Protein backbone atom coordinates (compact mmCIF):
# COMPACT_ATOMS: atom_id res chain seq x y z
CA MET A 1 54.08 38.16 -55.41
CA GLU A 2 51.90 35.43 -54.97
CA ALA A 3 48.81 35.01 -52.67
CA ILE A 4 49.07 35.30 -48.95
CA VAL A 5 49.33 32.07 -47.26
CA PRO A 6 48.09 31.41 -43.51
CA TYR A 7 51.16 29.84 -41.53
CA LEU A 8 49.79 28.36 -38.23
CA ASN A 9 52.62 27.53 -35.50
CA PHE A 10 52.02 25.23 -32.72
CA ASN A 11 53.09 24.42 -29.38
CA GLY A 12 54.59 20.97 -30.12
CA ASN A 13 51.50 19.30 -31.55
CA ALA A 14 51.82 20.43 -35.29
CA THR A 15 51.81 16.96 -36.59
CA GLU A 16 48.31 16.26 -35.04
CA ALA A 17 46.70 19.65 -36.18
CA LEU A 18 48.18 19.12 -39.84
CA ALA A 19 46.45 15.31 -39.82
CA PHE A 20 43.36 17.02 -38.49
CA TYR A 21 43.27 20.17 -40.70
CA SER A 22 44.22 17.99 -44.02
CA ASN A 23 41.54 15.59 -43.20
CA ALA A 24 38.55 18.37 -42.31
CA PHE A 25 39.43 20.41 -45.52
CA ASN A 26 40.03 17.05 -47.52
CA GLY A 27 43.64 18.42 -48.13
CA THR A 28 46.99 16.70 -49.42
CA ILE A 29 50.27 17.34 -47.58
CA VAL A 30 52.46 18.46 -50.06
CA HIS A 31 55.65 18.91 -47.76
CA GLN A 32 56.68 17.75 -44.28
CA GLN A 33 59.99 18.18 -42.61
CA THR A 34 60.86 18.15 -39.18
CA PHE A 35 63.74 19.92 -37.10
CA GLY A 36 65.63 16.53 -37.10
CA GLU A 37 65.72 16.45 -40.74
CA SER A 38 67.21 20.02 -41.18
CA PRO A 39 70.99 21.14 -40.23
CA MET A 40 69.85 23.04 -37.32
CA PRO A 41 70.83 21.90 -33.82
CA ILE A 42 67.80 20.83 -31.71
CA ASP A 43 67.23 18.75 -28.60
CA GLU A 44 66.45 15.05 -29.07
CA ASP A 45 63.31 15.49 -27.77
CA TRP A 46 62.15 17.99 -30.32
CA LYS A 47 63.62 16.09 -33.61
CA ASN A 48 60.44 14.90 -34.86
CA LYS A 49 58.41 17.74 -34.14
CA ILE A 50 57.39 19.73 -37.28
CA MET A 51 59.70 22.71 -38.62
CA HIS A 52 57.65 23.08 -41.81
CA ALA A 53 54.79 21.67 -43.40
CA PHE A 54 52.57 22.51 -46.23
CA PHE A 55 49.21 21.27 -47.45
CA LYS A 56 46.40 22.12 -50.34
CA ALA A 57 42.72 21.78 -50.60
CA GLY A 58 42.06 22.96 -53.92
CA ASP A 59 42.88 26.60 -54.12
CA LEU A 60 43.30 26.65 -50.16
CA SER A 61 47.07 26.46 -49.07
CA ILE A 62 48.09 26.37 -45.19
CA MET A 63 51.48 25.79 -43.80
CA VAL A 64 52.17 24.91 -40.37
CA SER A 65 55.01 24.27 -38.00
CA ASP A 66 55.84 24.01 -33.89
CA SER A 67 56.99 26.87 -32.56
CA ARG A 68 60.71 26.95 -31.16
CA LYS A 69 60.78 24.57 -27.81
CA ASN A 70 59.76 26.32 -24.88
CA ASP A 71 58.84 29.43 -26.88
CA GLU A 72 57.81 31.85 -24.16
CA ASN A 73 56.30 34.00 -26.69
CA PHE A 74 53.69 31.09 -27.52
CA THR A 75 50.23 31.83 -27.20
CA SER A 76 47.30 29.60 -28.64
CA GLY A 77 45.48 32.12 -30.86
CA THR A 78 47.81 34.65 -31.55
CA ASN A 79 49.97 31.74 -33.48
CA LEU A 80 49.07 32.93 -37.01
CA SER A 81 51.35 34.58 -39.25
CA LEU A 82 50.62 35.92 -43.04
CA SER A 83 53.52 34.42 -45.39
CA LEU A 84 54.28 36.27 -48.65
CA ASN A 85 55.89 34.48 -51.37
CA PHE A 86 57.90 36.51 -53.99
CA THR A 87 58.80 35.69 -57.41
CA GLU A 88 61.58 38.84 -57.50
CA GLU A 89 64.01 39.24 -55.31
CA ALA A 90 63.70 43.06 -55.37
CA GLU A 91 60.02 42.86 -54.50
CA ILE A 92 60.78 41.01 -51.05
CA ASP A 93 63.31 43.56 -50.32
CA ARG A 94 61.16 46.52 -51.11
CA VAL A 95 58.32 45.07 -49.06
CA PHE A 96 60.49 43.86 -46.34
CA SER A 97 61.89 47.39 -45.88
CA ALA A 98 58.89 48.73 -46.15
CA LEU A 99 56.85 46.93 -43.55
CA SER A 100 59.72 47.23 -41.35
CA GLU A 101 58.92 50.80 -40.08
CA ALA A 102 58.23 50.63 -36.44
CA ALA A 103 58.17 46.91 -36.54
CA LYS A 104 59.71 44.49 -34.27
CA ILE A 105 62.26 42.23 -36.83
CA THR A 106 62.04 38.63 -35.52
CA MET A 107 64.24 37.17 -38.11
CA PRO A 108 66.18 39.44 -40.41
CA LEU A 109 65.91 38.87 -44.23
CA ASP A 110 68.84 36.65 -45.30
CA LYS A 111 69.80 33.64 -47.37
CA THR A 112 68.96 30.52 -45.90
CA PHE A 113 69.83 26.57 -45.68
CA TRP A 114 66.61 25.63 -47.93
CA GLY A 115 67.57 27.74 -50.67
CA ALA A 116 65.60 31.00 -50.22
CA LYS A 117 65.57 34.33 -48.81
CA PHE A 118 63.34 34.69 -45.86
CA GLY A 119 62.61 36.70 -43.05
CA MET A 120 60.00 37.46 -40.29
CA LEU A 121 58.61 40.84 -38.54
CA THR A 122 55.81 42.05 -36.21
CA ASP A 123 54.42 45.33 -38.00
CA LYS A 124 53.40 48.44 -36.09
CA PHE A 125 49.93 47.00 -35.94
CA GLY A 126 50.98 43.83 -34.36
CA VAL A 127 50.62 41.75 -37.53
CA ASN A 128 53.01 38.89 -37.92
CA TRP A 129 54.62 38.62 -41.40
CA MET A 130 56.76 35.81 -43.15
CA PHE A 131 58.62 36.59 -46.52
CA ASN A 132 59.84 33.99 -48.89
CA HIS A 133 61.68 33.89 -51.84
CA ASP A 134 62.81 30.79 -53.26
CA TYR A 135 66.15 31.02 -55.51
CA GLU A 136 66.35 29.21 -58.84
CA GLN A 137 67.43 25.87 -57.82
CA LYS A 138 70.41 24.39 -60.25
CA GLU A 139 70.42 20.91 -62.01
CA LYS A 140 72.84 18.48 -60.59
């Protein structure tokens, strides 16, 4: 397993936050994708919102996104998840299963359109976790 990465969610202003934090930490935006660039159906006014972005500043890595449009569960201050990136699929399955005890599964662990196994849960202590294992990409 790799290091834990903070994942910050925003209510429509992730682009502004990404620029602010990247500047404050003198970081570089490594990846940025909007909802409109994904195959997911999305309202026209949300297409330019951030689905996923990643920036680095030295050894610091932070990921950001806009929450789902009109997310009633969004509360500024509790919009943080700890993202775990796994190098082995068996390990992501084991840890997800272990942390699932008495947890609220917000997204079951499954294959995704972006080439990863991914899932999310809030554990029995109220901590939000994201799980990711990137599959090896075959050369075209």
